[in-house]
Amino acid sequence: YLSCGDEMLIVDRVTQLDIDHEIVIVST
């Protein structure tokens, strides 16, 4: 569940999260 301003982006079937400092790449 990712916030985008006042909206929520729901990303299903996540396979991995890559975290580099303050950036997250969500892969499905």
PDB file of all heavy atoms in Angstrom:
ATOM      1  N   TYR A   1       0.867  -1.180   0.000  1.00  0.00           N
ATOM      2  CA  TYR A   1       0.000   0.000   0.000  1.00  0.00           C
ATOM      3  C   TYR A   1       0.900   1.225   0.000  1.00  0.00           C
ATOM      4  O   TYR A   1       1.678   1.431   0.931  1.00  0.00           O
ATOM      5  CB  TYR A   1      -0.908  -0.005   1.231  1.00  0.00           C
ATOM      6  CG  TYR A   1      -1.900  -1.140   1.204  1.00  0.00           C
ATOM      7  CD1 TYR A   1      -1.551  -2.414   1.622  1.00  0.00           C
ATOM      8  CD2 TYR A   1      -3.185  -0.934   0.725  1.00  0.00           C
ATOM      9  CE1 TYR A   1      -2.454  -3.462   1.578  1.00  0.00           C
ATOM     10  CE2 TYR A   1      -4.102  -1.968   0.684  1.00  0.00           C
ATOM     11  CZ  TYR A   1      -3.722  -3.228   1.108  1.00  0.00           C
ATOM     12  OH  TYR A   1      -4.629  -4.269   1.052  1.00  0.00           O
ATOM     13  N   LEU A   2       0.801   2.016  -1.064  1.00  0.00           N
ATOM     14  CA  LEU A   2       1.676   3.172  -1.253  1.00  0.00           C
ATOM     15  C   LEU A   2       0.846   4.442  -1.302  1.00  0.00           C
ATOM     16  O   LEU A   2      -0.175   4.487  -1.990  1.00  0.00           O
ATOM     17  CB  LEU A   2       2.447   3.021  -2.570  1.00  0.00           C
ATOM     18  CG  LEU A   2       3.134   1.675  -2.804  1.00  0.00           C
ATOM     19  CD1 LEU A   2       3.693   1.593  -4.214  1.00  0.00           C
ATOM     20  CD2 LEU A   2       4.216   1.439  -1.774  1.00  0.00           C
ATOM     21  N   SER A   3       1.276   5.480  -0.591  1.00  0.00           N
ATOM     22  CA  SER A   3       0.528   6.740  -0.605  1.00  0.00           C
ATOM     23  C   SER A   3       0.978   7.580  -1.791  1.00  0.00           C
ATOM     24  O   SER A   3       2.158   7.658  -2.109  1.00  0.00           O
ATOM     25  CB  SER A   3       0.726   7.512   0.695  1.00  0.00           C
ATOM     26  OG  SER A   3       2.055   7.952   0.813  1.00  0.00           O
ATOM     27  N   CYS A   4       0.009   8.171  -2.450  1.00  0.00           N
ATOM     28  CA  CYS A   4       0.257   9.069  -3.585  1.00  0.00           C
ATOM     29  C   CYS A   4      -0.622  10.292  -3.371  1.00  0.00           C
ATOM     30  O   CYS A   4      -1.752  10.357  -3.857  1.00  0.00           O
ATOM     31  CB  CYS A   4      -0.071   8.383  -4.905  1.00  0.00           C
ATOM     32  SG  CYS A   4       0.962   6.972  -5.247  1.00  0.00           S
ATOM     33  N   GLY A   5      -0.118  11.242  -2.580  1.00  0.00           N
ATOM     34  CA  GLY A   5      -0.930  12.410  -2.230  1.00  0.00           C
ATOM     35  C   GLY A   5      -2.082  11.989  -1.338  1.00  0.00           C
ATOM     36  O   GLY A   5      -1.883  11.344  -0.321  1.00  0.00           O
ATOM     37  N   ASP A   6      -3.304  12.301  -1.761  1.00  0.00           N
ATOM     38  CA  ASP A   6      -4.491  11.925  -0.995  1.00  0.00           C
ATOM     39  C   ASP A   6      -5.011  10.539  -1.361  1.00  0.00           C
ATOM     40  O   ASP A   6      -5.974  10.061  -0.782  1.00  0.00           O
ATOM     41  CB  ASP A   6      -5.611  12.950  -1.226  1.00  0.00           C
ATOM     42  CG  ASP A   6      -5.273  14.307  -0.638  1.00  0.00           C
ATOM     43  OD1 ASP A   6      -4.427  14.347   0.278  1.00  0.00           O
ATOM     44  OD2 ASP A   6      -5.844  15.316  -1.091  1.00  0.00           O
ATOM     45  N   GLU A   7      -4.391   9.919  -2.337  1.00  0.00           N
ATOM     46  CA  GLU A   7      -4.828   8.614  -2.827  1.00  0.00           C
ATOM     47  C   GLU A   7      -3.901   7.514  -2.323  1.00  0.00           C
ATOM     48  O   GLU A   7      -2.777   7.757  -1.918  1.00  0.00           O
ATOM     49  CB  GLU A   7      -4.825   8.602  -4.364  1.00  0.00           C
ATOM     50  CG  GLU A   7      -5.715   9.654  -4.999  1.00  0.00           C
ATOM     51  CD  GLU A   7      -7.186   9.377  -4.815  1.00  0.00           C
ATOM     52  OE1 GLU A   7      -7.579   8.203  -4.878  1.00  0.00           O
ATOM     53  OE2 GLU A   7      -7.932  10.339  -4.591  1.00  0.00           O
ATOM     54  N   MET A   8      -4.388   6.266  -2.398  1.00  0.00           N
ATOM     55  CA  MET A   8      -3.595   5.110  -2.023  1.00  0.00           C
ATOM     56  C   MET A   8      -3.448   4.224  -3.257  1.00  0.00           C
ATOM     57  O   MET A   8      -4.437   3.894  -3.908  1.00  0.00           O
ATOM     58  CB  MET A   8      -4.295   4.333  -0.905  1.00  0.00           C
ATOM     59  CG  MET A   8      -3.480   3.206  -0.324  1.00  0.00           C
ATOM     60  SD  MET A   8      -2.068   3.727   0.674  1.00  0.00           S
ATOM     61  CE  MET A   8      -2.843   4.532   2.039  1.00  0.00           C
ATOM     62  N   LEU A   9      -2.216   3.875  -3.607  1.00  0.00           N
ATOM     63  CA  LEU A   9      -1.948   2.950  -4.699  1.00  0.00           C
ATOM     64  C   LEU A   9      -1.755   1.576  -4.078  1.00  0.00           C
ATOM     65  O   LEU A   9      -0.906   1.400  -3.211  1.00  0.00           O
ATOM     66  CB  LEU A   9      -0.688   3.374  -5.464  1.00  0.00           C
ATOM     67  CG  LEU A   9      -0.220   2.441  -6.583  1.00  0.00           C
ATOM     68  CD1 LEU A   9      -1.270   2.333  -7.686  1.00  0.00           C
ATOM     69  CD2 LEU A   9       1.098   2.938  -7.150  1.00  0.00           C
ATOM     70  N   ILE A  10      -2.568   0.611  -4.526  1.00  0.00           N
ATOM     71  CA  ILE A  10      -2.493  -0.747  -4.007  1.00  0.00           C
ATOM     72  C   ILE A  10      -1.817  -1.607  -5.066  1.00  0.00           C
ATOM     73  O   ILE A  10      -2.313  -1.723  -6.188  1.00  0.00           O
ATOM     74  CB  ILE A  10      -3.890  -1.286  -3.664  1.00  0.00           C
ATOM     75  CG1 ILE A  10      -4.540  -0.383  -2.615  1.00  0.00           C
ATOM     76  CG2 ILE A  10      -3.805  -2.728  -3.184  1.00  0.00           C
ATOM     77  CD1 ILE A  10      -5.998  -0.681  -2.362  1.00  0.00           C
ATOM     78  N   VAL A  11      -0.675  -2.195  -4.719  1.00  0.00           N
ATOM     79  CA  VAL A  11       0.100  -3.006  -5.651  1.00  0.00           C
ATOM     80  C   VAL A  11       0.016  -4.467  -5.205  1.00  0.00           C
ATOM     81  O   VAL A  11       0.536  -4.832  -4.146  1.00  0.00           O
ATOM     82  CB  VAL A  11       1.576  -2.540  -5.706  1.00  0.00           C
ATOM     83  CG1 VAL A  11       2.361  -3.383  -6.695  1.00  0.00           C
ATOM     84  CG2 VAL A  11       1.658  -1.060  -6.054  1.00  0.00           C
ATOM     85  N   ASP A  12      -0.662  -5.291  -6.014  1.00  0.00           N
ATOM     86  CA  ASP A  12      -0.838  -6.711  -5.704  1.00  0.00           C
ATOM     87  C   ASP A  12       0.284  -7.555  -6.294  1.00  0.00           C
ATOM     88  O   ASP A  12       0.975  -7.137  -7.216  1.00  0.00           O
ATOM     89  CB  ASP A  12      -2.168  -7.214  -6.271  1.00  0.00           C
ATOM     90  CG  ASP A  12      -3.366  -6.655  -5.522  1.00  0.00           C
ATOM     91  OD1 ASP A  12      -3.285  -6.544  -4.294  1.00  0.00           O
ATOM     92  OD2 ASP A  12      -4.369  -6.344  -6.181  1.00  0.00           O
ATOM     93  N   ARG A  13       0.421  -8.755  -5.763  1.00  0.00           N
ATOM     94  CA  ARG A  13       1.357  -9.768  -6.245  1.00  0.00           C
ATOM     95  C   ARG A  13       2.805  -9.262  -6.253  1.00  0.00           C
ATOM     96  O   ARG A  13       3.541  -9.433  -7.208  1.00  0.00           O
ATOM     97  CB  ARG A  13       0.920 -10.288  -7.607  1.00  0.00           C
ATOM     98  CG  ARG A  13      -0.500 -10.877  -7.533  1.00  0.00           C
ATOM     99  CD  ARG A  13      -0.923 -11.556  -8.784  1.00  0.00           C
ATOM    100  NE  ARG A  13      -0.219 -12.852  -8.854  1.00  0.00           N
ATOM    101  CZ  ARG A  13      -0.251 -13.624  -9.915  1.00  0.00           C
ATOM    102  NH1 ARG A  13      -0.917 -13.273 -10.976  1.00  0.00           N
ATOM    103  NH2 ARG A  13       0.389 -14.766  -9.919  1.00  0.00           N
ATOM    104  N   VAL A  14       3.178  -8.644  -5.153  1.00  0.00           N
ATOM    105  CA  VAL A  14       4.547  -8.130  -4.989  1.00  0.00           C
ATOM    106  C   VAL A  14       5.503  -9.305  -4.828  1.00  0.00           C
ATOM    107  O   VAL A  14       5.252 -10.215  -4.030  1.00  0.00           O
ATOM    108  CB  VAL A  14       4.631  -7.193  -3.763  1.00  0.00           C
ATOM    109  CG1 VAL A  14       6.066  -6.816  -3.456  1.00  0.00           C
ATOM    110  CG2 VAL A  14       3.769  -5.970  -3.982  1.00  0.00           C
ATOM    111  N   THR A  15       6.588  -9.288  -5.600  1.00  0.00           N
ATOM    112  CA  THR A  15       7.596 -10.346  -5.494  1.00  0.00           C
ATOM    113  C   THR A  15       8.836  -9.892  -4.740  1.00  0.00           C
ATOM    114  O   THR A  15       9.485 -10.705  -4.089  1.00  0.00           O
ATOM    115  CB  THR A  15       8.025 -10.853  -6.888  1.00  0.00           C
ATOM    116  OG1 THR A  15       8.473  -9.737  -7.662  1.00  0.00           O
ATOM    117  CG2 THR A  15       6.871 -11.550  -7.585  1.00  0.00           C
ATOM    118  N   GLN A  16       9.168  -8.597  -4.842  1.00  0.00           N
ATOM    119  CA  GLN A  16      10.326  -8.115  -4.086  1.00  0.00           C
ATOM    120  C   GLN A  16      10.295  -6.600  -3.936  1.00  0.00           C
ATOM    121  O   GLN A  16       9.630  -5.906  -4.702  1.00  0.00           O
ATOM    122  CB  GLN A  16      11.641  -8.567  -4.707  1.00  0.00           C
ATOM    123  CG  GLN A  16      12.063  -7.842  -5.953  1.00  0.00           C
ATOM    124  CD  GLN A  16      13.408  -8.348  -6.453  1.00  0.00           C
ATOM    125  OE1 GLN A  16      13.668  -9.551  -6.436  1.00  0.00           O
ATOM    126  NE2 GLN A  16      14.259  -7.456  -6.894  1.00  0.00           N
ATOM    127  N   LEU A  17      11.024  -6.143  -2.929  1.00  0.00           N
ATOM    128  CA  LEU A  17      11.219  -4.719  -2.692  1.00  0.00           C
ATOM    129  C   LEU A  17      12.717  -4.470  -2.633  1.00  0.00           C
ATOM    130  O   LEU A  17      13.432  -5.153  -1.892  1.00  0.00           O
ATOM    131  CB  LEU A  17      10.582  -4.282  -1.380  1.00  0.00           C
ATOM    132  CG  LEU A  17       9.058  -4.282  -1.355  1.00  0.00           C
ATOM    133  CD1 LEU A  17       8.540  -5.589  -0.795  1.00  0.00           C
ATOM    134  CD2 LEU A  17       8.552  -3.140  -0.522  1.00  0.00           C
ATOM    135  N   ASP A  18      13.193  -3.517  -3.438  1.00  0.00           N
ATOM    136  CA  ASP A  18      14.592  -3.103  -3.429  1.00  0.00           C
ATOM    137  C   ASP A  18      14.657  -1.733  -2.774  1.00  0.00           C
ATOM    138  O   ASP A  18      13.981  -0.804  -3.220  1.00  0.00           O
ATOM    139  CB  ASP A  18      15.145  -3.021  -4.856  1.00  0.00           C
ATOM    140  CG  ASP A  18      15.136  -4.366  -5.553  1.00  0.00           C
ATOM    141  OD1 ASP A  18      15.825  -5.270  -5.062  1.00  0.00           O
ATOM    142  OD2 ASP A  18      14.439  -4.510  -6.569  1.00  0.00           O
ATOM    143  N   ILE A  19      15.455  -1.610  -1.727  1.00  0.00           N
ATOM    144  CA  ILE A  19      15.559  -0.357  -0.986  1.00  0.00           C
ATOM    145  C   ILE A  19      16.971   0.180  -1.133  1.00  0.00           C
ATOM    146  O   ILE A  19      17.947  -0.490  -0.801  1.00  0.00           O
ATOM    147  CB  ILE A  19      15.211  -0.556   0.498  1.00  0.00           C
ATOM    148  CG1 ILE A  19      13.799  -1.140   0.617  1.00  0.00           C
ATOM    149  CG2 ILE A  19      15.331   0.758   1.251  1.00  0.00           C
ATOM    150  CD1 ILE A  19      13.422  -1.551   2.015  1.00  0.00           C
ATOM    151  N   ASP A  20      17.058   1.383  -1.673  1.00  0.00           N
ATOM    152  CA  ASP A  20      18.344   2.045  -1.865  1.00  0.00           C
ATOM    153  C   ASP A  20      18.240   3.435  -1.247  1.00  0.00           C
ATOM    154  O   ASP A  20      17.660   4.345  -1.841  1.00  0.00           O
ATOM    155  CB  ASP A  20      18.673   2.140  -3.359  1.00  0.00           C
ATOM    156  CG  ASP A  20      20.061   2.699  -3.620  1.00  0.00           C
ATOM    157  OD1 ASP A  20      20.797   2.964  -2.651  1.00  0.00           O
ATOM    158  OD2 ASP A  20      20.401   2.878  -4.795  1.00  0.00           O
ATOM    159  N   HIS A  21      18.751   3.562  -0.046  1.00  0.00           N
ATOM    160  CA  HIS A  21      18.713   4.809   0.710  1.00  0.00           C
ATOM    161  C   HIS A  21      17.261   5.174   1.008  1.00  0.00           C
ATOM    162  O   HIS A  21      16.646   4.546   1.842  1.00  0.00           O
ATOM    163  CB  HIS A  21      19.484   5.900  -0.027  1.00  0.00           C
ATOM    164  CG  HIS A  21      19.808   7.096   0.812  1.00  0.00           C
ATOM    165  ND1 HIS A  21      20.456   7.001   2.012  1.00  0.00           N
ATOM    166  CD2 HIS A  21      19.570   8.401   0.622  1.00  0.00           C
ATOM    167  CE1 HIS A  21      20.601   8.198   2.535  1.00  0.00           C
ATOM    168  NE2 HIS A  21      20.076   9.074   1.710  1.00  0.00           N
ATOM    169  N   GLU A  22      16.677   6.139   0.348  1.00  0.00           N
ATOM    170  CA  GLU A  22      15.296   6.566   0.600  1.00  0.00           C
ATOM    171  C   GLU A  22      14.345   6.197  -0.532  1.00  0.00           C
ATOM    172  O   GLU A  22      13.209   6.665  -0.567  1.00  0.00           O
ATOM    173  CB  GLU A  22      15.247   8.081   0.829  1.00  0.00           C
ATOM    174  CG  GLU A  22      15.992   8.539   2.071  1.00  0.00           C
ATOM    175  CD  GLU A  22      15.371   8.043   3.365  1.00  0.00           C
ATOM    176  OE1 GLU A  22      14.126   8.065   3.485  1.00  0.00           O
ATOM    177  OE2 GLU A  22      16.128   7.614   4.253  1.00  0.00           O
ATOM    178  N   ILE A  23      14.800   5.365  -1.473  1.00  0.00           N
ATOM    179  CA  ILE A  23      13.988   4.968  -2.620  1.00  0.00           C
ATOM    180  C   ILE A  23      13.645   3.486  -2.510  1.00  0.00           C
ATOM    181  O   ILE A  23      14.505   2.662  -2.184  1.00  0.00           O
ATOM    182  CB  ILE A  23      14.730   5.221  -3.953  1.00  0.00           C
ATOM    183  CG1 ILE A  23      15.109   6.686  -4.092  1.00  0.00           C
ATOM    184  CG2 ILE A  23      13.913   4.730  -5.146  1.00  0.00           C
ATOM    185  CD1 ILE A  23      13.947   7.640  -4.191  1.00  0.00           C
ATOM    186  N   VAL A  24      12.390   3.138  -2.809  1.00  0.00           N
ATOM    187  CA  VAL A  24      11.943   1.746  -2.809  1.00  0.00           C
ATOM    188  C   VAL A  24      11.423   1.418  -4.203  1.00  0.00           C
ATOM    189  O   VAL A  24      10.592   2.149  -4.745  1.00  0.00           O
ATOM    190  CB  VAL A  24      10.821   1.512  -1.766  1.00  0.00           C
ATOM    191  CG1 VAL A  24      10.346   0.062  -1.796  1.00  0.00           C
ATOM    192  CG2 VAL A  24      11.290   1.894  -0.372  1.00  0.00           C
ATOM    193  N   ILE A  25      11.921   0.328  -4.764  1.00  0.00           N
ATOM    194  CA  ILE A  25      11.410  -0.181  -6.031  1.00  0.00           C
ATOM    195  C   ILE A  25      10.602  -1.432  -5.693  1.00  0.00           C
ATOM    196  O   ILE A  25      11.133  -2.401  -5.146  1.00  0.00           O
ATOM    197  CB  ILE A  25      12.541  -0.542  -7.020  1.00  0.00           C
ATOM    198  CG1 ILE A  25      13.461   0.646  -7.265  1.00  0.00           C
ATOM    199  CG2 ILE A  25      11.946  -1.089  -8.325  1.00  0.00           C
ATOM    200  CD1 ILE A  25      12.821   1.831  -7.934  1.00  0.00           C
ATOM    201  N   VAL A  26       9.295  -1.383  -6.004  1.00  0.00           N
ATOM    202  CA  VAL A  26       8.393  -2.504  -5.744  1.00  0.00           C
ATOM    203  C   VAL A  26       8.209  -3.246  -7.063  1.00  0.00           C
ATOM    204  O   VAL A  26       7.770  -2.657  -8.049  1.00  0.00           O
ATOM    205  CB  VAL A  26       7.034  -2.005  -5.212  1.00  0.00           C
ATOM    206  CG1 VAL A  26       6.099  -3.176  -4.953  1.00  0.00           C
ATOM    207  CG2 VAL A  26       7.218  -1.165  -3.950  1.00  0.00           C
ATOM    208  N   SER A  27       8.547  -4.541  -7.084  1.00  0.00           N
ATOM    209  CA  SER A  27       8.405  -5.364  -8.284  1.00  0.00           C
ATOM    210  C   SER A  27       7.293  -6.379  -8.084  1.00  0.00           C
ATOM    211  O   SER A  27       7.117  -6.900  -6.976  1.00  0.00           O
ATOM    212  CB  SER A  27       9.712  -6.110  -8.586  1.00  0.00           C
ATOM    213  OG  SER A  27      10.765  -5.195  -8.774  1.00  0.00           O
ATOM    214  N   THR A  28       6.565  -6.668  -9.168  1.00  0.00           N
ATOM    215  CA  THR A  28       5.430  -7.588  -9.075  1.00  0.00           C
ATOM    216  C   THR A  28       5.650  -8.833  -9.926  1.00  0.00           C
ATOM    217  O   THR A  28       6.558  -8.893 -10.757  1.00  0.00           O
ATOM    218  CB  THR A  28       4.122  -6.926  -9.542  1.00  0.00           C
ATOM    219  OG1 THR A  28       4.161  -6.758 -10.955  1.00  0.00           O
ATOM    220  CG2 THR A  28       3.883  -5.600  -8.847  1.00  0.00           C
TER     221      THR A  28
END
